[in-house]
Amino acid sequence: MEAWQVAVEAALAKKAEDIAVLDLRDVASFTDTFVICSGLNSRQNQAISDEVEQQMKVEGKRPASIEGYQQAEWILMDYGDLIVHIFSVRARNYYELGRLWKAARRLSVPKEN
């Protein structure tokens, strides 16, 4: 299973919403993939982040950094070749990363369990 798939499964386990996976290999040099998702509140966003970190650790991957965890409006988890963005709905609508990176190919994401 690829790292982005592990992150998506972990996010789904914590009921993340509106999950998108962007393949950035042809449009960016700093990472290969973005996983973007939303939670309904800061507590859920932190739970999503915790689950992603736990499941990635099982796969032997640790983040280089995690930003925004305390405020939990936008949590950024940097795994090098994968960056996970966990947004509040308000922050996601404001920053619109999907639109900013519209040249990236979207990968298929499984629906909720």
PDB file of N, CA and C in Angstrom:
ATOM      1  N   MET A   1       0.848  -1.173   0.000  1.00  0.00           N
ATOM      2  CA  MET A   1       0.000   0.000   0.000  1.00  0.00           C
ATOM      3  C   MET A   1       0.900   1.246   0.000  1.00  0.00           C
ATOM      4  N   GLU A   2       0.556   2.195  -0.834  1.00  0.00           N
ATOM      5  CA  GLU A   2       1.338   3.431  -0.896  1.00  0.00           C
ATOM      6  C   GLU A   2       1.026   4.314   0.313  1.00  0.00           C
ATOM      7  N   ALA A   3       1.955   5.209   0.627  1.00  0.00           N
ATOM      8  CA  ALA A   3       1.810   6.075   1.806  1.00  0.00           C
ATOM      9  C   ALA A   3       0.508   6.873   1.761  1.00  0.00           C
ATOM     10  N   TRP A   4       0.151   7.400   0.586  1.00  0.00           N
ATOM     11  CA  TRP A   4      -1.076   8.199   0.509  1.00  0.00           C
ATOM     12  C   TRP A   4      -2.305   7.347   0.811  1.00  0.00           C
ATOM     13  N   GLN A   5      -2.254   6.059   0.443  1.00  0.00           N
ATOM     14  CA  GLN A   5      -3.382   5.170   0.719  1.00  0.00           C
ATOM     15  C   GLN A   5      -3.511   4.907   2.219  1.00  0.00           C
ATOM     16  N   VAL A   6      -2.380   4.763   2.900  1.00  0.00           N
ATOM     17  CA  VAL A   6      -2.385   4.593   4.355  1.00  0.00           C
ATOM     18  C   VAL A   6      -3.007   5.828   5.007  1.00  0.00           C
ATOM     19  N   ALA A   7      -2.598   7.006   4.559  1.00  0.00           N
ATOM     20  CA  ALA A   7      -3.132   8.253   5.112  1.00  0.00           C
ATOM     21  C   ALA A   7      -4.635   8.378   4.862  1.00  0.00           C
ATOM     22  N   VAL A   8      -5.078   8.018   3.676  1.00  0.00           N
ATOM     23  CA  VAL A   8      -6.511   8.092   3.351  1.00  0.00           C
ATOM     24  C   VAL A   8      -7.305   7.132   4.231  1.00  0.00           C
ATOM     25  N   GLU A   9      -6.833   5.899   4.379  1.00  0.00           N
ATOM     26  CA  GLU A   9      -7.538   4.921   5.223  1.00  0.00           C
ATOM     27  C   GLU A   9      -7.620   5.405   6.668  1.00  0.00           C
ATOM     28  N   ALA A  10      -6.525   5.989   7.160  1.00  0.00           N
ATOM     29  CA  ALA A  10      -6.516   6.516   8.526  1.00  0.00           C
ATOM     30  C   ALA A  10      -7.508   7.667   8.665  1.00  0.00           C
ATOM     31  N   ALA A  11      -7.534   8.559   7.694  1.00  0.00           N
ATOM     32  CA  ALA A  11      -8.466   9.691   7.724  1.00  0.00           C
ATOM     33  C   ALA A  11      -9.911   9.202   7.675  1.00  0.00           C
ATOM     34  N   LEU A  12     -10.178   8.224   6.833  1.00  0.00           N
ATOM     35  CA  LEU A  12     -11.528   7.658   6.757  1.00  0.00           C
ATOM     36  C   LEU A  12     -11.945   7.026   8.078  1.00  0.00           C
ATOM     37  N   ALA A  13     -10.996   6.397   8.762  1.00  0.00           N
ATOM     38  CA  ALA A  13     -11.297   5.756  10.046  1.00  0.00           C
ATOM     39  C   ALA A  13     -11.771   6.771  11.083  1.00  0.00           C
ATOM     40  N   LYS A  14     -11.367   8.025  10.920  1.00  0.00           N
ATOM     41  CA  LYS A  14     -11.784   9.090  11.840  1.00  0.00           C
ATOM     42  C   LYS A  14     -12.827  10.009  11.210  1.00  0.00           C
ATOM     43  N   LYS A  15     -13.479   9.501  10.172  1.00  0.00           N
ATOM     44  CA  LYS A  15     -14.614  10.186   9.532  1.00  0.00           C
ATOM     45  C   LYS A  15     -14.255  11.514   8.877  1.00  0.00           C
ATOM     46  N   ALA A  16     -13.044  11.611   8.326  1.00  0.00           N
ATOM     47  CA  ALA A  16     -12.673  12.804   7.564  1.00  0.00           C
ATOM     48  C   ALA A  16     -13.617  12.948   6.381  1.00  0.00           C
ATOM     49  N   GLU A  17     -13.849  14.181   5.981  1.00  0.00           N
ATOM     50  CA  GLU A  17     -14.772  14.459   4.886  1.00  0.00           C
ATOM     51  C   GLU A  17     -14.035  15.019   3.682  1.00  0.00           C
ATOM     52  N   ASP A  18     -14.658  14.858   2.522  1.00  0.00           N
ATOM     53  CA  ASP A  18     -14.195  15.495   1.289  1.00  0.00           C
ATOM     54  C   ASP A  18     -12.704  15.247   1.038  1.00  0.00           C
ATOM     55  N   ILE A  19     -12.311  13.976   1.041  1.00  0.00           N
ATOM     56  CA  ILE A  19     -10.902  13.619   0.860  1.00  0.00           C
ATOM     57  C   ILE A  19     -10.521  13.723  -0.610  1.00  0.00           C
ATOM     58  N   ALA A  20      -9.408  14.397  -0.857  1.00  0.00           N
ATOM     59  CA  ALA A  20      -8.859  14.515  -2.211  1.00  0.00           C
ATOM     60  C   ALA A  20      -7.389  14.118  -2.163  1.00  0.00           C
ATOM     61  N   VAL A  21      -6.944  13.449  -3.219  1.00  0.00           N
ATOM     62  CA  VAL A  21      -5.532  13.078  -3.343  1.00  0.00           C
ATOM     63  C   VAL A  21      -5.023  13.659  -4.652  1.00  0.00           C
ATOM     64  N   LEU A  22      -3.985  14.479  -4.557  1.00  0.00           N
ATOM     65  CA  LEU A  22      -3.405  15.134  -5.725  1.00  0.00           C
ATOM     66  C   LEU A  22      -2.022  14.567  -5.998  1.00  0.00           C
ATOM     67  N   ASP A  23      -1.807  14.115  -7.223  1.00  0.00           N
ATOM     68  CA  ASP A  23      -0.499  13.638  -7.671  1.00  0.00           C
ATOM     69  C   ASP A  23       0.263  14.840  -8.217  1.00  0.00           C
ATOM     70  N   LEU A  24       1.278  15.276  -7.486  1.00  0.00           N
ATOM     71  CA  LEU A  24       2.019  16.490  -7.835  1.00  0.00           C
ATOM     72  C   LEU A  24       3.335  16.212  -8.553  1.00  0.00           C
ATOM     73  N   ARG A  25       3.617  14.965  -8.866  1.00  0.00           N
ATOM     74  CA  ARG A  25       4.932  14.623  -9.426  1.00  0.00           C
ATOM     75  C   ARG A  25       5.277  15.399 -10.687  1.00  0.00           C
ATOM     76  N   ASP A  26       4.292  15.727 -11.505  1.00  0.00           N
ATOM     77  CA  ASP A  26       4.566  16.454 -12.751  1.00  0.00           C
ATOM     78  C   ASP A  26       4.523  17.973 -12.593  1.00  0.00           C
ATOM     79  N   VAL A  27       4.107  18.465 -11.417  1.00  0.00           N
ATOM     80  CA  VAL A  27       3.934  19.913 -11.262  1.00  0.00           C
ATOM     81  C   VAL A  27       4.686  20.524 -10.081  1.00  0.00           C
ATOM     82  N   ALA A  28       5.314  19.708  -9.247  1.00  0.00           N
ATOM     83  CA  ALA A  28       6.046  20.229  -8.086  1.00  0.00           C
ATOM     84  C   ALA A  28       7.269  19.367  -7.809  1.00  0.00           C
ATOM     85  N   SER A  29       8.299  19.980  -7.257  1.00  0.00           N
ATOM     86  CA  SER A  29       9.519  19.232  -6.956  1.00  0.00           C
ATOM     87  C   SER A  29       9.671  18.923  -5.469  1.00  0.00           C
ATOM     88  N   PHE A  30       8.852  19.521  -4.610  1.00  0.00           N
ATOM     89  CA  PHE A  30       9.036  19.376  -3.167  1.00  0.00           C
ATOM     90  C   PHE A  30       8.312  18.182  -2.558  1.00  0.00           C
ATOM     91  N   THR A  31       7.368  17.590  -3.281  1.00  0.00           N
ATOM     92  CA  THR A  31       6.644  16.422  -2.792  1.00  0.00           C
ATOM     93  C   THR A  31       6.014  15.700  -3.975  1.00  0.00           C
ATOM     94  N   ASP A  32       5.557  14.478  -3.743  1.00  0.00           N
ATOM     95  CA  ASP A  32       4.883  13.707  -4.789  1.00  0.00           C
ATOM     96  C   ASP A  32       3.365  13.806  -4.697  1.00  0.00           C
ATOM     97  N   THR A  33       2.846  13.816  -3.468  1.00  0.00           N
ATOM     98  CA  THR A  33       1.404  13.673  -3.283  1.00  0.00           C
ATOM     99  C   THR A  33       0.899  14.538  -2.137  1.00  0.00           C
ATOM    100  N   PHE A  34      -0.282  15.118  -2.338  1.00  0.00           N
ATOM    101  CA  PHE A  34      -1.040  15.773  -1.267  1.00  0.00           C
ATOM    102  C   PHE A  34      -2.245  14.897  -0.954  1.00  0.00           C
ATOM    103  N   VAL A  35      -2.529  14.708   0.314  1.00  0.00           N
ATOM    104  CA  VAL A  35      -3.828  14.218   0.761  1.00  0.00           C
ATOM    105  C   VAL A  35      -4.470  15.401   1.472  1.00  0.00           C
ATOM    106  N   ILE A  36      -5.657  15.778   1.015  1.00  0.00           N
ATOM    107  CA  ILE A  36      -6.377  16.920   1.582  1.00  0.00           C
ATOM    108  C   ILE A  36      -7.714  16.408   2.114  1.00  0.00           C
ATOM    109  N   CYS A  37      -8.030  16.767   3.358  1.00  0.00           N
ATOM    110  CA  CYS A  37      -9.318  16.360   3.921  1.00  0.00           C
ATOM    111  C   CYS A  37      -9.795  17.409   4.911  1.00  0.00           C
ATOM    112  N   SER A  38     -11.026  17.244   5.355  1.00  0.00           N
ATOM    113  CA  SER A  38     -11.635  18.189   6.292  1.00  0.00           C
ATOM    114  C   SER A  38     -12.247  17.448   7.464  1.00  0.00           C
ATOM    115  N   GLY A  39     -12.258  18.137   8.604  1.00  0.00           N
ATOM    116  CA  GLY A  39     -12.965  17.672   9.783  1.00  0.00           C
ATOM    117  C   GLY A  39     -13.964  18.733  10.199  1.00  0.00           C
ATOM    118  N   LEU A  40     -14.902  18.350  11.035  1.00  0.00           N
ATOM    119  CA  LEU A  40     -15.970  19.264  11.435  1.00  0.00           C
ATOM    120  C   LEU A  40     -15.566  20.208  12.559  1.00  0.00           C
ATOM    121  N   ASN A  41     -14.516  19.859  13.309  1.00  0.00           N
ATOM    122  CA  ASN A  41     -14.066  20.711  14.413  1.00  0.00           C
ATOM    123  C   ASN A  41     -12.609  20.393  14.740  1.00  0.00           C
ATOM    124  N   SER A  42     -12.022  21.190  15.614  1.00  0.00           N
ATOM    125  CA  SER A  42     -10.597  21.022  15.915  1.00  0.00           C
ATOM    126  C   SER A  42     -10.302  19.675  16.563  1.00  0.00           C
ATOM    127  N   ARG A  43     -11.192  19.201  17.397  1.00  0.00           N
ATOM    128  CA  ARG A  43     -10.978  17.902  18.044  1.00  0.00           C
ATOM    129  C   ARG A  43     -10.943  16.773  17.008  1.00  0.00           C
ATOM    130  N   GLN A  44     -11.851  16.818  16.041  1.00  0.00           N
ATOM    131  CA  GLN A  44     -11.847  15.805  14.989  1.00  0.00           C
ATOM    132  C   GLN A  44     -10.584  15.928  14.140  1.00  0.00           C
ATOM    133  N   ASN A  45     -10.179  17.146  13.817  1.00  0.00           N
ATOM    134  CA  ASN A  45      -8.961  17.331  13.026  1.00  0.00           C
ATOM    135  C   ASN A  45      -7.751  16.747  13.745  1.00  0.00           C
ATOM    136  N   GLN A  46      -7.666  16.951  15.048  1.00  0.00           N
ATOM    137  CA  GLN A  46      -6.564  16.378  15.818  1.00  0.00           C
ATOM    138  C   GLN A  46      -6.646  14.854  15.842  1.00  0.00           C
ATOM    139  N   ALA A  47      -7.851  14.312  15.946  1.00  0.00           N
ATOM    140  CA  ALA A  47      -8.022  12.856  15.926  1.00  0.00           C
ATOM    141  C   ALA A  47      -7.595  12.280  14.575  1.00  0.00           C
ATOM    142  N   ILE A  48      -7.936  12.966  13.492  1.00  0.00           N
ATOM    143  CA  ILE A  48      -7.508  12.533  12.155  1.00  0.00           C
ATOM    144  C   ILE A  48      -5.985  12.550  12.083  1.00  0.00           C
ATOM    145  N   SER A  49      -5.376  13.631  12.544  1.00  0.00           N
ATOM    146  CA  SER A  49      -3.919  13.750  12.538  1.00  0.00           C
ATOM    147  C   SER A  49      -3.272  12.639  13.359  1.00  0.00           C
ATOM    148  N   ASP A  50      -3.803  12.386  14.544  1.00  0.00           N
ATOM    149  CA  ASP A  50      -3.259  11.332  15.406  1.00  0.00           C
ATOM    150  C   ASP A  50      -3.328   9.971  14.728  1.00  0.00           C
ATOM    151  N   GLU A  51      -4.453   9.690  14.078  1.00  0.00           N
ATOM    152  CA  GLU A  51      -4.628   8.391  13.410  1.00  0.00           C
ATOM    153  C   GLU A  51      -3.700   8.260  12.213  1.00  0.00           C
ATOM    154  N   VAL A  52      -3.559   9.326  11.429  1.00  0.00           N
ATOM    155  CA  VAL A  52      -2.626   9.293  10.300  1.00  0.00           C
ATOM    156  C   VAL A  52      -1.216   9.022  10.820  1.00  0.00           C
ATOM    157  N   GLU A  53      -0.813   9.748  11.852  1.00  0.00           N
ATOM    158  CA  GLU A  53       0.532   9.560  12.403  1.00  0.00           C
ATOM    159  C   GLU A  53       0.732   8.132  12.904  1.00  0.00           C
ATOM    160  N   GLN A  54      -0.254   7.598  13.607  1.00  0.00           N
ATOM    161  CA  GLN A  54      -0.176   6.228  14.138  1.00  0.00           C
ATOM    162  C   GLN A  54      -0.044   5.203  13.015  1.00  0.00           C
ATOM    163  N   GLN A  55      -0.900   5.298  11.995  1.00  0.00           N
ATOM    164  CA  GLN A  55      -0.876   4.313  10.913  1.00  0.00           C
ATOM    165  C   GLN A  55       0.379   4.445  10.052  1.00  0.00           C
ATOM    166  N   MET A  56       0.857   5.651   9.866  1.00  0.00           N
ATOM    167  CA  MET A  56       2.101   5.837   9.115  1.00  0.00           C
ATOM    168  C   MET A  56       3.276   5.268   9.904  1.00  0.00           C
ATOM    169  N   LYS A  57       3.238   5.405  11.222  1.00  0.00           N
ATOM    170  CA  LYS A  57       4.295   4.853  12.073  1.00  0.00           C
ATOM    171  C   LYS A  57       4.338   3.330  11.940  1.00  0.00           C
ATOM    172  N   VAL A  58       3.161   2.697  11.860  1.00  0.00           N
ATOM    173  CA  VAL A  58       3.083   1.248  11.656  1.00  0.00           C
ATOM    174  C   VAL A  58       3.802   0.861  10.361  1.00  0.00           C
ATOM    175  N   GLU A  59       3.728   1.732   9.361  1.00  0.00           N
ATOM    176  CA  GLU A  59       4.385   1.497   8.070  1.00  0.00           C
ATOM    177  C   GLU A  59       5.854   1.934   8.079  1.00  0.00           C
ATOM    178  N   GLY A  60       6.344   2.377   9.232  1.00  0.00           N
ATOM    179  CA  GLY A  60       7.738   2.781   9.347  1.00  0.00           C
ATOM    180  C   GLY A  60       8.027   4.194   8.890  1.00  0.00           C
ATOM    181  N   LYS A  61       6.993   5.006   8.783  1.00  0.00           N
ATOM    182  CA  LYS A  61       7.169   6.391   8.326  1.00  0.00           C
ATOM    183  C   LYS A  61       6.842   7.363   9.452  1.00  0.00           C
ATOM    184  N   ARG A  62       7.736   8.321   9.639  1.00  0.00           N
ATOM    185  CA  ARG A  62       7.536   9.368  10.646  1.00  0.00           C
ATOM    186  C   ARG A  62       7.568  10.720   9.951  1.00  0.00           C
ATOM    187  N   PRO A  63       6.749  11.651  10.414  1.00  0.00           N
ATOM    188  CA  PRO A  63       6.730  12.965   9.758  1.00  0.00           C
ATOM    189  C   PRO A  63       7.997  13.765  10.051  1.00  0.00           C
ATOM    190  N   ALA A  64       8.456  14.501   9.045  1.00  0.00           N
ATOM    191  CA  ALA A  64       9.560  15.441   9.262  1.00  0.00           C
ATOM    192  C   ALA A  64       9.073  16.573  10.155  1.00  0.00           C
ATOM    193  N   SER A  65       7.806  16.946   9.988  1.00  0.00           N
ATOM    194  CA  SER A  65       7.210  17.973  10.850  1.00  0.00           C
ATOM    195  C   SER A  65       5.691  17.888  10.798  1.00  0.00           C
ATOM    196  N   ILE A  66       5.087  18.395  11.857  1.00  0.00           N
ATOM    197  CA  ILE A  66       3.633  18.559  11.926  1.00  0.00           C
ATOM    198  C   ILE A  66       3.393  19.991  12.373  1.00  0.00           C
ATOM    199  N   GLU A  67       2.663  20.740  11.578  1.00  0.00           N
ATOM    200  CA  GLU A  67       2.385  22.150  11.872  1.00  0.00           C
ATOM    201  C   GLU A  67       0.889  22.345  12.093  1.00  0.00           C
ATOM    202  N   GLY A  68       0.550  23.253  12.990  1.00  0.00           N
ATOM    203  CA  GLY A  68      -0.840  23.650  13.176  1.00  0.00           C
ATOM    204  C   GLY A  68      -1.674  22.746  14.057  1.00  0.00           C
ATOM    205  N   TYR A  69      -1.048  21.793  14.746  1.00  0.00           N
ATOM    206  CA  TYR A  69      -1.816  20.818  15.529  1.00  0.00           C
ATOM    207  C   TYR A  69      -2.623  21.476  16.653  1.00  0.00           C
ATOM    208  N   GLN A  70      -2.031  22.417  17.363  1.00  0.00           N
ATOM    209  CA  GLN A  70      -2.717  23.017  18.516  1.00  0.00           C
ATOM    210  C   GLN A  70      -3.983  23.776  18.110  1.00  0.00           C
ATOM    211  N   GLN A  71      -3.883  24.602  17.071  1.00  0.00           N
ATOM    212  CA  GLN A  71      -5.049  25.361  16.627  1.00  0.00           C
ATOM    213  C   GLN A  71      -6.001  24.482  15.822  1.00  0.00           C
ATOM    214  N   ALA A  72      -5.448  23.567  15.058  1.00  0.00           N
ATOM    215  CA  ALA A  72      -6.199  22.551  14.307  1.00  0.00           C
ATOM    216  C   ALA A  72      -7.144  23.113  13.254  1.00  0.00           C
ATOM    217  N   GLU A  73      -6.905  24.341  12.804  1.00  0.00           N
ATOM    218  CA  GLU A  73      -7.654  24.878  11.662  1.00  0.00           C
ATOM    219  C   GLU A  73      -7.082  24.309  10.362  1.00  0.00           C
ATOM    220  N   TRP A  74      -5.764  24.159  10.335  1.00  0.00           N
ATOM    221  CA  TRP A  74      -5.061  23.579   9.191  1.00  0.00           C
ATOM    222  C   TRP A  74      -3.855  22.841   9.757  1.00  0.00           C
ATOM    223  N   ILE A  75      -3.932  21.540   9.791  1.00  0.00           N
ATOM    224  CA  ILE A  75      -2.815  20.712  10.245  1.00  0.00           C
ATOM    225  C   ILE A  75      -2.085  20.220   9.009  1.00  0.00           C
ATOM    226  N   LEU A  76      -0.787  20.456   8.972  1.00  0.00           N
ATOM    227  CA  LEU A  76       0.047  20.023   7.858  1.00  0.00           C
ATOM    228  C   LEU A  76       1.030  18.988   8.382  1.00  0.00           C
ATOM    229  N   MET A  77       1.004  17.797   7.786  1.00  0.00           N
ATOM    230  CA  MET A  77       1.894  16.702   8.173  1.00  0.00           C
ATOM    231  C   MET A  77       2.820  16.418   6.993  1.00  0.00           C
ATOM    232  N   ASP A  78       4.104  16.665   7.181  1.00  0.00           N
ATOM    233  CA  ASP A  78       5.084  16.542   6.099  1.00  0.00           C
ATOM    234  C   ASP A  78       5.849  15.230   6.219  1.00  0.00           C
ATOM    235  N   TYR A  79       5.591  14.331   5.273  1.00  0.00           N
ATOM    236  CA  TYR A  79       6.290  13.051   5.206  1.00  0.00           C
ATOM    237  C   TYR A  79       7.288  13.021   4.049  1.00  0.00           C
ATOM    238  N   GLY A  80       7.666  14.162   3.544  1.00  0.00           N
ATOM    239  CA  GLY A  80       8.613  14.227   2.432  1.00  0.00           C
ATOM    240  C   GLY A  80       7.904  14.033   1.107  1.00  0.00           C
ATOM    241  N   ASP A  81       7.738  12.781   0.692  1.00  0.00           N
ATOM    242  CA  ASP A  81       7.068  12.494  -0.577  1.00  0.00           C
ATOM    243  C   ASP A  81       5.547  12.603  -0.479  1.00  0.00           C
ATOM    244  N   LEU A  82       5.036  12.774   0.737  1.00  0.00           N
ATOM    245  CA  LEU A  82       3.599  12.909   0.990  1.00  0.00           C
ATOM    246  C   LEU A  82       3.387  14.051   1.977  1.00  0.00           C
ATOM    247  N   ILE A  83       2.445  14.924   1.668  1.00  0.00           N
ATOM    248  CA  ILE A  83       2.035  15.960   2.615  1.00  0.00           C
ATOM    249  C   ILE A  83       0.535  15.813   2.839  1.00  0.00           C
ATOM    250  N   VAL A  84       0.152  15.689   4.106  1.00  0.00           N
ATOM    251  CA  VAL A  84      -1.248  15.546   4.485  1.00  0.00           C
ATOM    252  C   VAL A  84      -1.726  16.887   5.034  1.00  0.00           C
ATOM    253  N   HIS A  85      -2.824  17.387   4.464  1.00  0.00           N
ATOM    254  CA  HIS A  85      -3.445  18.640   4.903  1.00  0.00           C
ATOM    255  C   HIS A  85      -4.802  18.301   5.515  1.00  0.00           C
ATOM    256  N   ILE A  86      -4.989  18.668   6.769  1.00  0.00           N
ATOM    257  CA  ILE A  86      -6.258  18.441   7.454  1.00  0.00           C
ATOM    258  C   ILE A  86      -6.819  19.819   7.808  1.00  0.00           C
ATOM    259  N   PHE A  87      -7.939  20.160   7.202  1.00  0.00           N
ATOM    260  CA  PHE A  87      -8.511  21.500   7.322  1.00  0.00           C
ATOM    261  C   PHE A  87      -9.826  21.499   8.088  1.00  0.00           C
ATOM    262  N   SER A  88     -10.119  22.634   8.719  1.00  0.00           N
ATOM    263  CA  SER A  88     -11.503  22.926   9.082  1.00  0.00           C
ATOM    264  C   SER A  88     -12.195  23.262   7.759  1.00  0.00           C
ATOM    265  N   VAL A  89     -13.495  23.165   7.723  1.00  0.00           N
ATOM    266  CA  VAL A  89     -14.226  23.481   6.490  1.00  0.00           C
ATOM    267  C   VAL A  89     -13.961  24.934   6.083  1.00  0.00           C
ATOM    268  N   ARG A  90     -13.976  25.835   7.053  1.00  0.00           N
ATOM    269  CA  ARG A  90     -13.751  27.257   6.775  1.00  0.00           C
ATOM    270  C   ARG A  90     -12.364  27.498   6.177  1.00  0.00           C
ATOM    271  N   ALA A  91     -11.340  26.917   6.776  1.00  0.00           N
ATOM    272  CA  ALA A  91      -9.973  27.111   6.272  1.00  0.00           C
ATOM    273  C   ALA A  91      -9.803  26.478   4.893  1.00  0.00           C
ATOM    274  N   ARG A  92     -10.419  25.340   4.693  1.00  0.00           N
ATOM    275  CA  ARG A  92     -10.297  24.685   3.382  1.00  0.00           C
ATOM    276  C   ARG A  92     -10.929  25.538   2.288  1.00  0.00           C
ATOM    277  N   ASN A  93     -12.085  26.090   2.577  1.00  0.00           N
ATOM    278  CA  ASN A  93     -12.742  26.961   1.599  1.00  0.00           C
ATOM    279  C   ASN A  93     -11.926  28.221   1.335  1.00  0.00           C
ATOM    280  N   TYR A  94     -11.245  28.711   2.338  1.00  0.00           N
ATOM    281  CA  TYR A  94     -10.444  29.923   2.188  1.00  0.00           C
ATOM    282  C   TYR A  94      -9.187  29.665   1.349  1.00  0.00           C
ATOM    283  N   TYR A  95      -8.449  28.615   1.670  1.00  0.00           N
ATOM    284  CA  TYR A  95      -7.168  28.372   0.994  1.00  0.00           C
ATOM    285  C   TYR A  95      -7.301  27.668  -0.352  1.00  0.00           C
ATOM    286  N   GLU A  96      -8.333  26.868  -0.533  1.00  0.00           N
ATOM    287  CA  GLU A  96      -8.626  26.204  -1.810  1.00  0.00           C
ATOM    288  C   GLU A  96      -7.394  25.576  -2.472  1.00  0.00           C
ATOM    289  N   LEU A  97      -6.715  24.689  -1.748  1.00  0.00           N
ATOM    290  CA  LEU A  97      -5.521  24.051  -2.312  1.00  0.00           C
ATOM    291  C   LEU A  97      -5.819  23.275  -3.588  1.00  0.00           C
ATOM    292  N   GLY A  98      -6.989  22.665  -3.661  1.00  0.00           N
ATOM    293  CA  GLY A  98      -7.355  21.933  -4.870  1.00  0.00           C
ATOM    294  C   GLY A  98      -7.370  22.821  -6.100  1.00  0.00           C
ATOM    295  N   ARG A  99      -7.829  24.049  -5.923  1.00  0.00           N
ATOM    296  CA  ARG A  99      -7.851  25.004  -7.036  1.00  0.00           C
ATOM    297  C   ARG A  99      -6.447  25.526  -7.319  1.00  0.00           C
ATOM    298  N   LEU A 100      -5.689  25.782  -6.269  1.00  0.00           N
ATOM    299  CA  LEU A 100      -4.320  26.266  -6.428  1.00  0.00           C
ATOM    300  C   LEU A 100      -3.466  25.262  -7.203  1.00  0.00           C
ATOM    301  N   TRP A 101      -3.684  23.985  -6.938  1.00  0.00           N
ATOM    302  CA  TRP A 101      -2.923  22.918  -7.599  1.00  0.00           C
ATOM    303  C   TRP A 101      -3.781  22.203  -8.647  1.00  0.00           C
ATOM    304  N   LYS A 102      -4.588  22.948  -9.389  1.00  0.00           N
ATOM    305  CA  LYS A 102      -5.510  22.347 -10.355  1.00  0.00           C
ATOM    306  C   LYS A 102      -4.799  21.596 -11.472  1.00  0.00           C
ATOM    307  N   ALA A 103      -3.523  21.892 -11.711  1.00  0.00           N
ATOM    308  CA  ALA A 103      -2.772  21.179 -12.749  1.00  0.00           C
ATOM    309  C   ALA A 103      -2.396  19.764 -12.309  1.00  0.00           C
ATOM    310  N   ALA A 104      -2.523  19.480 -11.027  1.00  0.00           N
ATOM    311  CA  ALA A 104      -2.183  18.150 -10.511  1.00  0.00           C
ATOM    312  C   ALA A 104      -3.265  17.141 -10.885  1.00  0.00           C
ATOM    313  N   ARG A 105      -2.834  15.922 -11.109  1.00  0.00           N
ATOM    314  CA  ARG A 105      -3.771  14.833 -11.401  1.00  0.00           C
ATOM    315  C   ARG A 105      -4.424  14.378 -10.098  1.00  0.00           C
ATOM    316  N   ARG A 106      -5.738  14.196 -10.134  1.00  0.00           N
ATOM    317  CA  ARG A 106      -6.467  13.693  -8.960  1.00  0.00           C
ATOM    318  C   ARG A 106      -6.503  12.173  -8.997  1.00  0.00           C
ATOM    319  N   LEU A 107      -6.165  11.571  -7.872  1.00  0.00           N
ATOM    320  CA  LEU A 107      -6.192  10.119  -7.756  1.00  0.00           C
ATOM    321  C   LEU A 107      -7.522   9.681  -7.155  1.00  0.00           C
ATOM    322  N   SER A 108      -7.914   8.468  -7.478  1.00  0.00           N
ATOM    323  CA  SER A 108      -9.178   7.928  -6.997  1.00  0.00           C
ATOM    324  C   SER A 108      -9.091   7.614  -5.501  1.00  0.00           C
ATOM    325  N   VAL A 109     -10.111   8.038  -4.771  1.00  0.00           N
ATOM    326  CA  VAL A 109     -10.158   7.848  -3.325  1.00  0.00           C
ATOM    327  C   VAL A 109     -11.334   6.942  -2.990  1.00  0.00           C
ATOM    328  N   PRO A 110     -11.116   5.919  -2.141  1.00  0.00           N
ATOM    329  CA  PRO A 110     -12.248   5.081  -1.744  1.00  0.00           C
ATOM    330  C   PRO A 110     -13.246   5.885  -0.924  1.00  0.00           C
ATOM    331  N   LYS A 111     -14.491   5.499  -0.994  1.00  0.00           N
ATOM    332  CA  LYS A 111     -15.528   6.174  -0.213  1.00  0.00           C
ATOM    333  C   LYS A 111     -15.464   5.689   1.234  1.00  0.00           C
ATOM    334  N   GLU A 112     -16.258   6.342   2.094  1.00  0.00           N
ATOM    335  CA  GLU A 112     -16.287   5.988   3.513  1.00  0.00           C
ATOM    336  C   GLU A 112     -16.587   4.513   3.702  1.00  0.00           C
ATOM    337  N   ASN A 113     -16.072   3.987   4.826  1.00  0.00           N
ATOM    338  CA  ASN A 113     -16.284   2.565   5.160  1.00  0.00           C
ATOM    339  C   ASN A 113     -17.735   2.309   5.469  1.00  0.00           C
TER     340      ASN A 113
END
